[in-house]
Structure formats: structure tokens, C-alpha cells
């Protein structure tokens, strides 16, 4: 989301409104565009996404393949705000599998974002079971091993 400071600023405001601690990778966006940053937030130009996902309760992303695969593999619900290319497919897959929510980044306001995030953070959100099952499956049979079997015709390990 870093190339769209306006969207990242709305996400930051939604996070402030629901009162959760956040880690935000600003990328191309100046952190000053995000408004007042709580002391408890980790805000840097770049962050180690995979490492942070192991400790996250939700993630907001544009929905690219890496972000979707890494978050779902960690069992983290996603709020997807797609802009182009594969991101729309990622958003559709997340919605279809109930692994999160997708919103139009150009139309979603702060309240829409806060509502979607609150839903995903709710302990009784219905997608938790789906995410746990997908995450467990990915840990049991990682993608690189699946790809190797598909390419070589080798049977299960």
C-alpha cells in the first residue's frame, strides 16, 4: 500500500480508532502522512513481513501473491485492498475461502476499514477455522515440496 499514501493514512486512522498496536511498512510513503503515531506502533520504511506475521492478529495488504501466501500460511486474517494485476485474484481468493475481507481501496473510508478490521479481530470470526486448516496444511506440505512433486511427478514424501 506504500505507493498510495492516502490509503495507508486511512488504514492508520482505522487502526487508531479501534485501538490496536500496529506494525506499518511505509515504503514510498512519508510516515508523516499517517498522522499521529502511537508510541506502541512499529513504523519503518521496510519491515520483515514473514517474521511479523508470526505475531500478528490481522494484516492489511494490497493482496499480492507473496503477502496472501505468507499471511494465510501464518494463519493471519487479511484485509485486502487490491490495486492491480494479481491483487484482484488474491482478494477474490481471500473472500471465497473466508480467510479475510476485501474492500475497494479507492472507495473504502476509515469507518469501512475499521469495521472490517474489527470483524477480523473478533475471536468468534467464522474464518478462523478455515485459516487454521490452510495454515496447518501449508506447514505439513510446504509449497516448494508440492511444486517439486508437480514438476517431477514424484509421489508424496
N, C-alpha and C. Protein backbone atom coordinates (compact mmCIF):
# COMPACT_ATOMS: atom_id res chain seq x y z
N UNK A 1 0.82 -1.21 0.00
CA UNK A 1 0.00 0.00 0.00
C UNK A 1 0.85 1.26 0.00
N UNK A 2 2.16 1.09 0.08
CA UNK A 2 3.03 2.24 0.32
C UNK A 2 3.05 3.27 -0.80
N UNK A 3 2.66 2.90 -2.00
CA UNK A 3 2.64 3.89 -3.08
C UNK A 3 1.37 4.73 -3.04
N UNK A 4 0.46 4.37 -2.19
CA UNK A 4 -0.78 5.14 -2.03
C UNK A 4 -0.88 5.64 -0.59
N UNK A 5 -0.19 6.74 -0.34
CA UNK A 5 -0.18 7.32 0.99
C UNK A 5 -1.57 7.64 1.51
N UNK A 6 -2.49 8.01 0.60
CA UNK A 6 -3.85 8.32 1.03
C UNK A 6 -4.54 7.10 1.63
N UNK A 7 -4.34 5.95 1.01
CA UNK A 7 -4.95 4.71 1.51
C UNK A 7 -4.26 4.29 2.81
N UNK A 8 -2.94 4.35 2.83
CA UNK A 8 -2.21 3.98 4.04
C UNK A 8 -2.60 4.88 5.22
N UNK A 9 -2.84 6.15 4.97
CA UNK A 9 -3.27 7.07 6.02
C UNK A 9 -4.65 6.69 6.55
N UNK A 10 -5.56 6.26 5.66
CA UNK A 10 -6.89 5.82 6.11
C UNK A 10 -6.78 4.55 6.94
N UNK A 11 -5.90 3.65 6.52
CA UNK A 11 -5.68 2.42 7.30
C UNK A 11 -5.15 2.77 8.68
N UNK A 12 -4.17 3.66 8.75
CA UNK A 12 -3.60 4.07 10.04
C UNK A 12 -4.68 4.68 10.93
N UNK A 13 -5.54 5.52 10.37
CA UNK A 13 -6.62 6.12 11.16
C UNK A 13 -7.58 5.04 11.66
N UNK A 14 -7.90 4.07 10.82
CA UNK A 14 -8.78 2.98 11.25
C UNK A 14 -8.14 2.20 12.39
N UNK A 15 -6.85 1.95 12.30
CA UNK A 15 -6.15 1.23 13.37
C UNK A 15 -6.16 2.03 14.67
N UNK A 16 -5.98 3.34 14.57
CA UNK A 16 -6.04 4.19 15.76
C UNK A 16 -7.43 4.12 16.39
N UNK A 17 -8.46 4.16 15.55
CA UNK A 17 -9.84 4.16 16.07
C UNK A 17 -10.19 2.88 16.80
N UNK A 18 -9.68 1.75 16.31
CA UNK A 18 -10.01 0.50 17.01
C UNK A 18 -9.03 0.21 18.13
N UNK A 19 -7.99 1.01 18.23
CA UNK A 19 -7.09 0.94 19.38
C UNK A 19 -6.20 -0.28 19.46
N UNK A 20 -5.65 -0.71 18.34
CA UNK A 20 -4.73 -1.84 18.40
C UNK A 20 -3.31 -1.39 18.06
N UNK A 21 -2.36 -2.16 18.52
CA UNK A 21 -0.96 -1.90 18.21
C UNK A 21 -0.71 -2.33 16.77
N UNK A 22 0.12 -1.58 16.06
CA UNK A 22 0.32 -1.84 14.63
C UNK A 22 1.79 -1.82 14.27
N UNK A 23 2.11 -2.57 13.23
CA UNK A 23 3.42 -2.50 12.57
C UNK A 23 3.11 -2.10 11.13
N UNK A 24 3.66 -0.98 10.70
CA UNK A 24 3.36 -0.45 9.37
C UNK A 24 4.65 -0.24 8.60
N UNK A 25 4.69 -0.83 7.41
CA UNK A 25 5.79 -0.60 6.49
C UNK A 25 5.36 0.52 5.56
N UNK A 26 6.06 1.65 5.63
CA UNK A 26 5.64 2.82 4.86
C UNK A 26 6.13 2.81 3.42
N UNK A 27 7.23 2.13 3.14
CA UNK A 27 7.77 2.11 1.79
C UNK A 27 7.94 3.51 1.23
N UNK A 28 7.25 3.82 0.15
CA UNK A 28 7.39 5.11 -0.53
C UNK A 28 6.65 6.26 0.17
N UNK A 29 5.81 5.94 1.12
CA UNK A 29 5.03 6.97 1.81
C UNK A 29 5.81 7.54 2.99
N UNK A 30 5.79 8.85 3.12
CA UNK A 30 6.40 9.53 4.26
C UNK A 30 5.55 9.23 5.50
N UNK A 31 6.16 8.76 6.56
CA UNK A 31 5.42 8.41 7.78
C UNK A 31 4.59 9.58 8.31
N UNK A 32 5.01 10.81 8.02
CA UNK A 32 4.25 11.98 8.47
C UNK A 32 2.85 12.02 7.87
N UNK A 33 2.65 11.39 6.71
CA UNK A 33 1.33 11.35 6.06
C UNK A 33 0.34 10.50 6.84
N UNK A 34 0.82 9.68 7.79
CA UNK A 34 -0.05 8.76 8.51
C UNK A 34 -0.72 9.40 9.72
N UNK A 35 -0.38 10.64 10.01
CA UNK A 35 -0.94 11.29 11.17
C UNK A 35 -0.17 10.91 12.42
N UNK A 36 -0.75 11.23 13.59
CA UNK A 36 -0.04 10.94 14.85
C UNK A 36 0.15 9.44 15.03
N UNK A 37 1.37 9.05 15.35
CA UNK A 37 1.69 7.63 15.50
C UNK A 37 1.85 7.28 16.98
N UNK A 38 1.04 6.37 17.47
CA UNK A 38 1.18 5.95 18.87
C UNK A 38 2.58 5.39 19.14
N UNK A 39 3.06 5.61 20.35
CA UNK A 39 4.39 5.13 20.76
C UNK A 39 4.52 3.62 20.59
N UNK A 40 3.43 2.89 20.76
CA UNK A 40 3.49 1.43 20.72
C UNK A 40 3.56 0.87 19.29
N UNK A 41 3.43 1.71 18.29
CA UNK A 41 3.46 1.24 16.90
C UNK A 41 4.89 1.13 16.40
N UNK A 42 5.11 0.14 15.56
CA UNK A 42 6.38 -0.03 14.87
C UNK A 42 6.17 0.46 13.43
N UNK A 43 6.77 1.58 13.09
CA UNK A 43 6.59 2.18 11.77
C UNK A 43 7.98 2.39 11.16
N UNK A 44 8.23 1.71 10.06
CA UNK A 44 9.52 1.78 9.39
C UNK A 44 9.29 1.76 7.88
N UNK A 45 10.31 2.17 7.14
CA UNK A 45 10.20 2.13 5.69
C UNK A 45 9.99 0.69 5.21
N UNK A 46 10.73 -0.23 5.78
CA UNK A 46 10.59 -1.66 5.44
C UNK A 46 10.60 -2.47 6.72
N UNK A 47 9.83 -3.56 6.73
CA UNK A 47 9.75 -4.45 7.88
C UNK A 47 9.83 -5.90 7.41
N UNK A 48 10.29 -6.81 8.28
CA UNK A 48 10.37 -8.23 7.92
C UNK A 48 8.99 -8.88 8.01
N UNK A 49 8.27 -8.86 6.91
CA UNK A 49 6.86 -9.29 6.91
C UNK A 49 6.66 -10.70 7.45
N UNK A 50 7.43 -11.66 6.97
CA UNK A 50 7.22 -13.05 7.40
C UNK A 50 7.40 -13.18 8.90
N UNK A 51 8.43 -12.55 9.42
CA UNK A 51 8.70 -12.62 10.87
C UNK A 51 7.55 -11.98 11.66
N UNK A 52 7.05 -10.84 11.19
CA UNK A 52 5.97 -10.16 11.90
C UNK A 52 4.66 -10.92 11.83
N UNK A 53 4.41 -11.60 10.72
CA UNK A 53 3.16 -12.33 10.58
C UNK A 53 3.01 -13.42 11.63
N UNK A 54 4.11 -13.96 12.10
CA UNK A 54 4.05 -14.99 13.14
C UNK A 54 3.49 -14.45 14.45
N UNK A 55 3.42 -13.12 14.59
CA UNK A 55 2.94 -12.50 15.82
C UNK A 55 1.72 -11.61 15.58
N UNK A 56 1.20 -11.61 14.37
CA UNK A 56 0.11 -10.71 14.00
C UNK A 56 -1.26 -11.33 14.27
N UNK A 57 -2.23 -10.46 14.53
CA UNK A 57 -3.62 -10.92 14.67
C UNK A 57 -4.42 -10.63 13.42
N UNK A 58 -3.90 -9.77 12.55
CA UNK A 58 -4.51 -9.47 11.25
C UNK A 58 -3.46 -8.74 10.42
N UNK A 59 -3.68 -8.70 9.11
CA UNK A 59 -2.78 -8.00 8.22
C UNK A 59 -3.60 -7.25 7.17
N UNK A 60 -3.10 -6.09 6.79
CA UNK A 60 -3.71 -5.31 5.72
C UNK A 60 -2.70 -5.30 4.58
N UNK A 61 -3.17 -5.61 3.37
CA UNK A 61 -2.28 -5.77 2.23
C UNK A 61 -2.97 -5.38 0.94
N UNK A 62 -2.18 -5.17 -0.11
CA UNK A 62 -2.75 -4.94 -1.43
C UNK A 62 -3.18 -6.26 -2.06
N UNK A 63 -2.74 -7.38 -1.51
CA UNK A 63 -3.21 -8.68 -1.98
C UNK A 63 -2.32 -9.36 -2.99
N UNK A 64 -1.06 -9.00 -3.07
CA UNK A 64 -0.14 -9.70 -3.96
C UNK A 64 0.07 -11.13 -3.51
N UNK A 65 0.58 -11.95 -4.42
CA UNK A 65 0.75 -13.37 -4.12
C UNK A 65 1.58 -13.63 -2.88
N UNK A 66 2.70 -12.94 -2.72
CA UNK A 66 3.55 -13.19 -1.54
C UNK A 66 2.81 -12.86 -0.25
N UNK A 67 2.20 -11.71 -0.19
CA UNK A 67 1.51 -11.30 1.04
C UNK A 67 0.39 -12.26 1.39
N UNK A 68 -0.39 -12.64 0.40
CA UNK A 68 -1.51 -13.56 0.64
C UNK A 68 -0.99 -14.91 1.11
N UNK A 69 -0.02 -15.47 0.40
CA UNK A 69 0.51 -16.79 0.76
C UNK A 69 1.14 -16.77 2.14
N UNK A 70 1.93 -15.74 2.43
CA UNK A 70 2.62 -15.67 3.72
C UNK A 70 1.64 -15.49 4.87
N UNK A 71 0.65 -14.63 4.72
CA UNK A 71 -0.31 -14.40 5.79
C UNK A 71 -1.19 -15.63 6.02
N UNK A 72 -1.69 -16.21 4.95
CA UNK A 72 -2.53 -17.40 5.11
C UNK A 72 -1.71 -18.54 5.71
N UNK A 73 -0.47 -18.67 5.28
CA UNK A 73 0.41 -19.70 5.84
C UNK A 73 0.64 -19.51 7.33
N UNK A 74 0.61 -18.28 7.78
CA UNK A 74 0.78 -17.98 9.21
C UNK A 74 -0.56 -18.00 9.95
N UNK A 75 -1.66 -18.22 9.22
CA UNK A 75 -2.98 -18.24 9.85
C UNK A 75 -3.49 -16.87 10.24
N UNK A 76 -3.06 -15.84 9.51
CA UNK A 76 -3.41 -14.46 9.83
C UNK A 76 -4.50 -13.97 8.88
N UNK A 77 -5.64 -13.52 9.41
CA UNK A 77 -6.69 -12.99 8.54
C UNK A 77 -6.24 -11.72 7.83
N UNK A 78 -6.74 -11.55 6.62
CA UNK A 78 -6.32 -10.44 5.77
C UNK A 78 -7.44 -9.47 5.45
N UNK A 79 -7.10 -8.20 5.46
CA UNK A 79 -7.94 -7.18 4.85
C UNK A 79 -7.19 -6.79 3.58
N UNK A 80 -7.77 -7.11 2.44
CA UNK A 80 -7.11 -6.92 1.15
C UNK A 80 -7.70 -5.70 0.45
N UNK A 81 -6.79 -4.81 0.01
CA UNK A 81 -7.16 -3.59 -0.70
C UNK A 81 -6.42 -3.61 -2.04
N UNK A 82 -6.97 -4.32 -3.04
CA UNK A 82 -6.24 -4.53 -4.30
C UNK A 82 -6.23 -3.31 -5.21
N UNK A 83 -5.10 -3.13 -5.91
CA UNK A 83 -4.94 -2.04 -6.86
C UNK A 83 -4.80 -2.51 -8.30
N UNK A 84 -4.12 -3.64 -8.52
CA UNK A 84 -3.87 -4.07 -9.90
C UNK A 84 -3.48 -5.54 -9.98
N UNK A 85 -3.38 -6.03 -11.18
CA UNK A 85 -2.88 -7.36 -11.59
C UNK A 85 -3.35 -8.49 -10.68
N UNK A 86 -2.40 -9.28 -10.15
CA UNK A 86 -2.73 -10.46 -9.36
C UNK A 86 -3.43 -10.13 -8.05
N UNK A 87 -3.41 -8.88 -7.65
CA UNK A 87 -4.01 -8.49 -6.39
C UNK A 87 -5.52 -8.73 -6.37
N UNK A 88 -6.18 -8.57 -7.51
CA UNK A 88 -7.63 -8.81 -7.57
C UNK A 88 -7.93 -10.29 -7.38
N UNK A 89 -7.09 -11.15 -7.96
CA UNK A 89 -7.26 -12.59 -7.78
C UNK A 89 -7.01 -12.97 -6.32
N UNK A 90 -5.98 -12.36 -5.71
CA UNK A 90 -5.72 -12.62 -4.29
C UNK A 90 -6.89 -12.21 -3.42
N UNK A 91 -7.45 -11.05 -3.70
CA UNK A 91 -8.60 -10.56 -2.93
C UNK A 91 -9.80 -11.49 -3.11
N UNK A 92 -10.04 -11.92 -4.33
CA UNK A 92 -11.17 -12.82 -4.59
C UNK A 92 -10.98 -14.16 -3.87
N UNK A 93 -9.77 -14.69 -3.87
CA UNK A 93 -9.49 -15.96 -3.19
C UNK A 93 -9.70 -15.82 -1.68
N UNK A 94 -9.25 -14.70 -1.12
CA UNK A 94 -9.42 -14.47 0.31
C UNK A 94 -10.90 -14.42 0.67
N UNK A 95 -11.68 -13.72 -0.12
CA UNK A 95 -13.13 -13.65 0.12
C UNK A 95 -13.77 -15.03 -0.06
N UNK A 96 -13.43 -15.70 -1.14
CA UNK A 96 -14.04 -17.01 -1.46
C UNK A 96 -13.78 -18.02 -0.34
N UNK A 97 -12.56 -18.03 0.19
CA UNK A 97 -12.19 -19.02 1.21
C UNK A 97 -12.48 -18.53 2.63
N UNK A 98 -13.06 -17.34 2.77
CA UNK A 98 -13.36 -16.75 4.07
C UNK A 98 -12.11 -16.65 4.94
N UNK A 99 -11.02 -16.20 4.31
CA UNK A 99 -9.75 -16.01 5.02
C UNK A 99 -9.52 -14.54 5.32
N UNK A 100 -10.53 -13.73 5.10
CA UNK A 100 -10.42 -12.30 5.35
C UNK A 100 -11.49 -11.55 4.58
N UNK A 101 -11.24 -10.26 4.39
CA UNK A 101 -12.17 -9.41 3.67
C UNK A 101 -11.42 -8.59 2.63
N UNK A 102 -12.12 -8.21 1.59
CA UNK A 102 -11.56 -7.35 0.54
C UNK A 102 -12.44 -6.11 0.41
N UNK A 103 -11.79 -4.98 0.26
CA UNK A 103 -12.50 -3.72 0.05
C UNK A 103 -11.83 -2.96 -1.08
N UNK A 104 -12.58 -2.09 -1.72
CA UNK A 104 -12.05 -1.23 -2.76
C UNK A 104 -11.23 -0.13 -2.10
N UNK A 105 -9.91 -0.09 -2.34
CA UNK A 105 -9.07 0.91 -1.66
C UNK A 105 -9.40 2.34 -2.05
N UNK A 106 -10.04 2.52 -3.20
CA UNK A 106 -10.38 3.87 -3.64
C UNK A 106 -11.68 4.37 -3.03
N UNK A 107 -12.50 3.45 -2.52
CA UNK A 107 -13.80 3.83 -2.01
C UNK A 107 -13.96 3.62 -0.50
N UNK A 108 -13.16 2.73 0.08
CA UNK A 108 -13.32 2.41 1.50
C UNK A 108 -12.88 3.58 2.37
N UNK A 109 -13.78 4.01 3.22
CA UNK A 109 -13.46 5.07 4.17
C UNK A 109 -12.90 4.50 5.46
N UNK A 110 -12.52 5.37 6.36
CA UNK A 110 -11.94 4.95 7.64
C UNK A 110 -12.91 4.04 8.39
N UNK A 111 -14.19 4.38 8.41
CA UNK A 111 -15.16 3.55 9.13
C UNK A 111 -15.29 2.17 8.49
N UNK A 112 -15.27 2.09 7.16
CA UNK A 112 -15.33 0.80 6.48
C UNK A 112 -14.13 -0.06 6.87
N UNK A 113 -12.96 0.55 6.87
CA UNK A 113 -11.73 -0.17 7.21
C UNK A 113 -11.76 -0.62 8.67
N UNK A 114 -12.18 0.27 9.56
CA UNK A 114 -12.24 -0.07 10.99
C UNK A 114 -13.23 -1.20 11.23
N UNK A 115 -14.38 -1.17 10.55
CA UNK A 115 -15.39 -2.20 10.71
C UNK A 115 -14.86 -3.55 10.22
N UNK A 116 -14.20 -3.56 9.06
CA UNK A 116 -13.66 -4.81 8.52
C UNK A 116 -12.57 -5.37 9.42
N UNK A 117 -11.68 -4.51 9.90
CA UNK A 117 -10.62 -4.96 10.81
C UNK A 117 -11.20 -5.48 12.12
N UNK A 118 -12.18 -4.80 12.65
CA UNK A 118 -12.81 -5.24 13.90
C UNK A 118 -13.43 -6.62 13.74
N UNK A 119 -14.05 -6.84 12.59
CA UNK A 119 -14.65 -8.15 12.31
C UNK A 119 -13.57 -9.24 12.31
N UNK A 120 -12.45 -8.97 11.64
CA UNK A 120 -11.38 -9.96 11.55
C UNK A 120 -10.71 -10.22 12.90
N UNK A 121 -10.71 -9.22 13.76
CA UNK A 121 -10.09 -9.35 15.08
C UNK A 121 -11.01 -10.00 16.11
N UNK A 122 -12.28 -10.11 15.79
CA UNK A 122 -13.24 -10.71 16.71
C UNK A 122 -12.91 -12.19 16.91
N UNK A 123 -12.75 -12.63 18.16
CA UNK A 123 -12.38 -14.03 18.40
C UNK A 123 -13.36 -15.05 17.84
N UNK A 124 -14.61 -14.66 17.61
CA UNK A 124 -15.58 -15.60 17.07
C UNK A 124 -15.78 -15.46 15.55
N UNK A 125 -14.90 -14.68 14.90
CA UNK A 125 -15.00 -14.55 13.44
C UNK A 125 -14.95 -15.94 12.81
N UNK A 126 -15.83 -16.20 11.88
CA UNK A 126 -16.02 -17.54 11.32
C UNK A 126 -14.85 -18.04 10.47
N UNK A 127 -13.99 -17.17 10.00
CA UNK A 127 -12.90 -17.60 9.14
C UNK A 127 -11.72 -18.21 9.87
N UNK A 128 -11.71 -18.15 11.19
CA UNK A 128 -10.56 -18.67 11.95
C UNK A 128 -10.30 -20.15 11.68
N UNK A 129 -11.34 -20.94 11.63
CA UNK A 129 -11.17 -22.37 11.37
C UNK A 129 -10.58 -22.63 9.99
N UNK A 130 -11.06 -21.90 9.01
CA UNK A 130 -10.54 -22.04 7.64
C UNK A 130 -9.07 -21.69 7.60
N UNK A 131 -8.70 -20.56 8.20
CA UNK A 131 -7.29 -20.15 8.21
C UNK A 131 -6.41 -21.16 8.93
N UNK A 132 -6.88 -21.67 10.05
CA UNK A 132 -6.10 -22.66 10.80
C UNK A 132 -5.86 -23.90 9.96
N UNK A 133 -6.89 -24.35 9.25
CA UNK A 133 -6.76 -25.55 8.42
C UNK A 133 -5.78 -25.32 7.27
N UNK A 134 -5.89 -24.18 6.60
CA UNK A 134 -4.99 -23.88 5.48
C UNK A 134 -3.56 -23.75 5.98
N UNK A 135 -3.38 -23.06 7.09
CA UNK A 135 -2.05 -22.87 7.66
C UNK A 135 -1.42 -24.21 8.04
N UNK A 136 -2.19 -25.07 8.68
CA UNK A 136 -1.68 -26.39 9.06
C UNK A 136 -1.30 -27.21 7.83
N UNK A 137 -2.13 -27.12 6.79
CA UNK A 137 -1.84 -27.85 5.55
C UNK A 137 -0.55 -27.36 4.91
N UNK A 138 -0.34 -26.04 4.91
CA UNK A 138 0.89 -25.49 4.33
C UNK A 138 2.13 -25.88 5.13
N UNK A 139 1.99 -25.96 6.45
CA UNK A 139 3.13 -26.37 7.28
C UNK A 139 3.44 -27.85 7.08
N UNK A 140 2.40 -28.66 6.92
CA UNK A 140 2.58 -30.09 6.74
C UNK A 140 3.16 -30.43 5.37
N UNK A 141 2.71 -29.69 4.35
CA UNK A 141 3.14 -29.96 2.98
C UNK A 141 3.46 -28.63 2.31
N UNK A 142 4.67 -28.08 2.56
CA UNK A 142 5.04 -26.75 2.06
C UNK A 142 5.01 -26.65 0.53
N UNK A 143 4.75 -25.43 0.08
CA UNK A 143 4.65 -25.15 -1.35
C UNK A 143 5.82 -25.61 -2.18
N UNK A 144 7.07 -25.37 -1.77
CA UNK A 144 8.21 -25.83 -2.59
C UNK A 144 8.21 -27.35 -2.80
N UNK A 145 7.81 -28.09 -1.77
CA UNK A 145 7.76 -29.55 -1.92
C UNK A 145 6.63 -29.95 -2.87
N UNK A 146 5.50 -29.28 -2.77
CA UNK A 146 4.38 -29.56 -3.69
C UNK A 146 4.79 -29.25 -5.13
N UNK A 147 5.46 -28.12 -5.31
CA UNK A 147 5.90 -27.74 -6.65
C UNK A 147 6.88 -28.76 -7.21
N UNK A 148 7.81 -29.23 -6.41
CA UNK A 148 8.78 -30.23 -6.85
C UNK A 148 8.06 -31.50 -7.31
N UNK A 149 7.10 -31.96 -6.51
CA UNK A 149 6.36 -33.17 -6.90
C UNK A 149 5.59 -32.96 -8.19
N UNK A 150 4.98 -31.77 -8.33
CA UNK A 150 4.21 -31.49 -9.55
C UNK A 150 5.11 -31.46 -10.78
N UNK A 151 6.30 -30.91 -10.63
CA UNK A 151 7.22 -30.80 -11.77
C UNK A 151 7.92 -32.10 -12.11
N UNK A 152 8.17 -32.92 -11.12
CA UNK A 152 8.94 -34.15 -11.35
C UNK A 152 8.07 -35.40 -11.41
N UNK A 153 6.82 -35.28 -11.00
CA UNK A 153 5.96 -36.45 -10.96
C UNK A 153 6.26 -37.35 -9.78
N UNK A 154 7.10 -36.88 -8.87
CA UNK A 154 7.43 -37.66 -7.68
C UNK A 154 6.22 -37.77 -6.78
N UNK A 155 6.10 -38.87 -6.10
CA UNK A 155 5.00 -39.07 -5.18
C UNK A 155 5.22 -38.32 -3.89
N UNK A 156 4.25 -38.39 -2.97
CA UNK A 156 4.39 -37.70 -1.68
C UNK A 156 5.65 -38.15 -0.95
N UNK A 157 6.23 -37.23 -0.21
CA UNK A 157 7.47 -37.54 0.54
C UNK A 157 7.21 -38.48 1.67
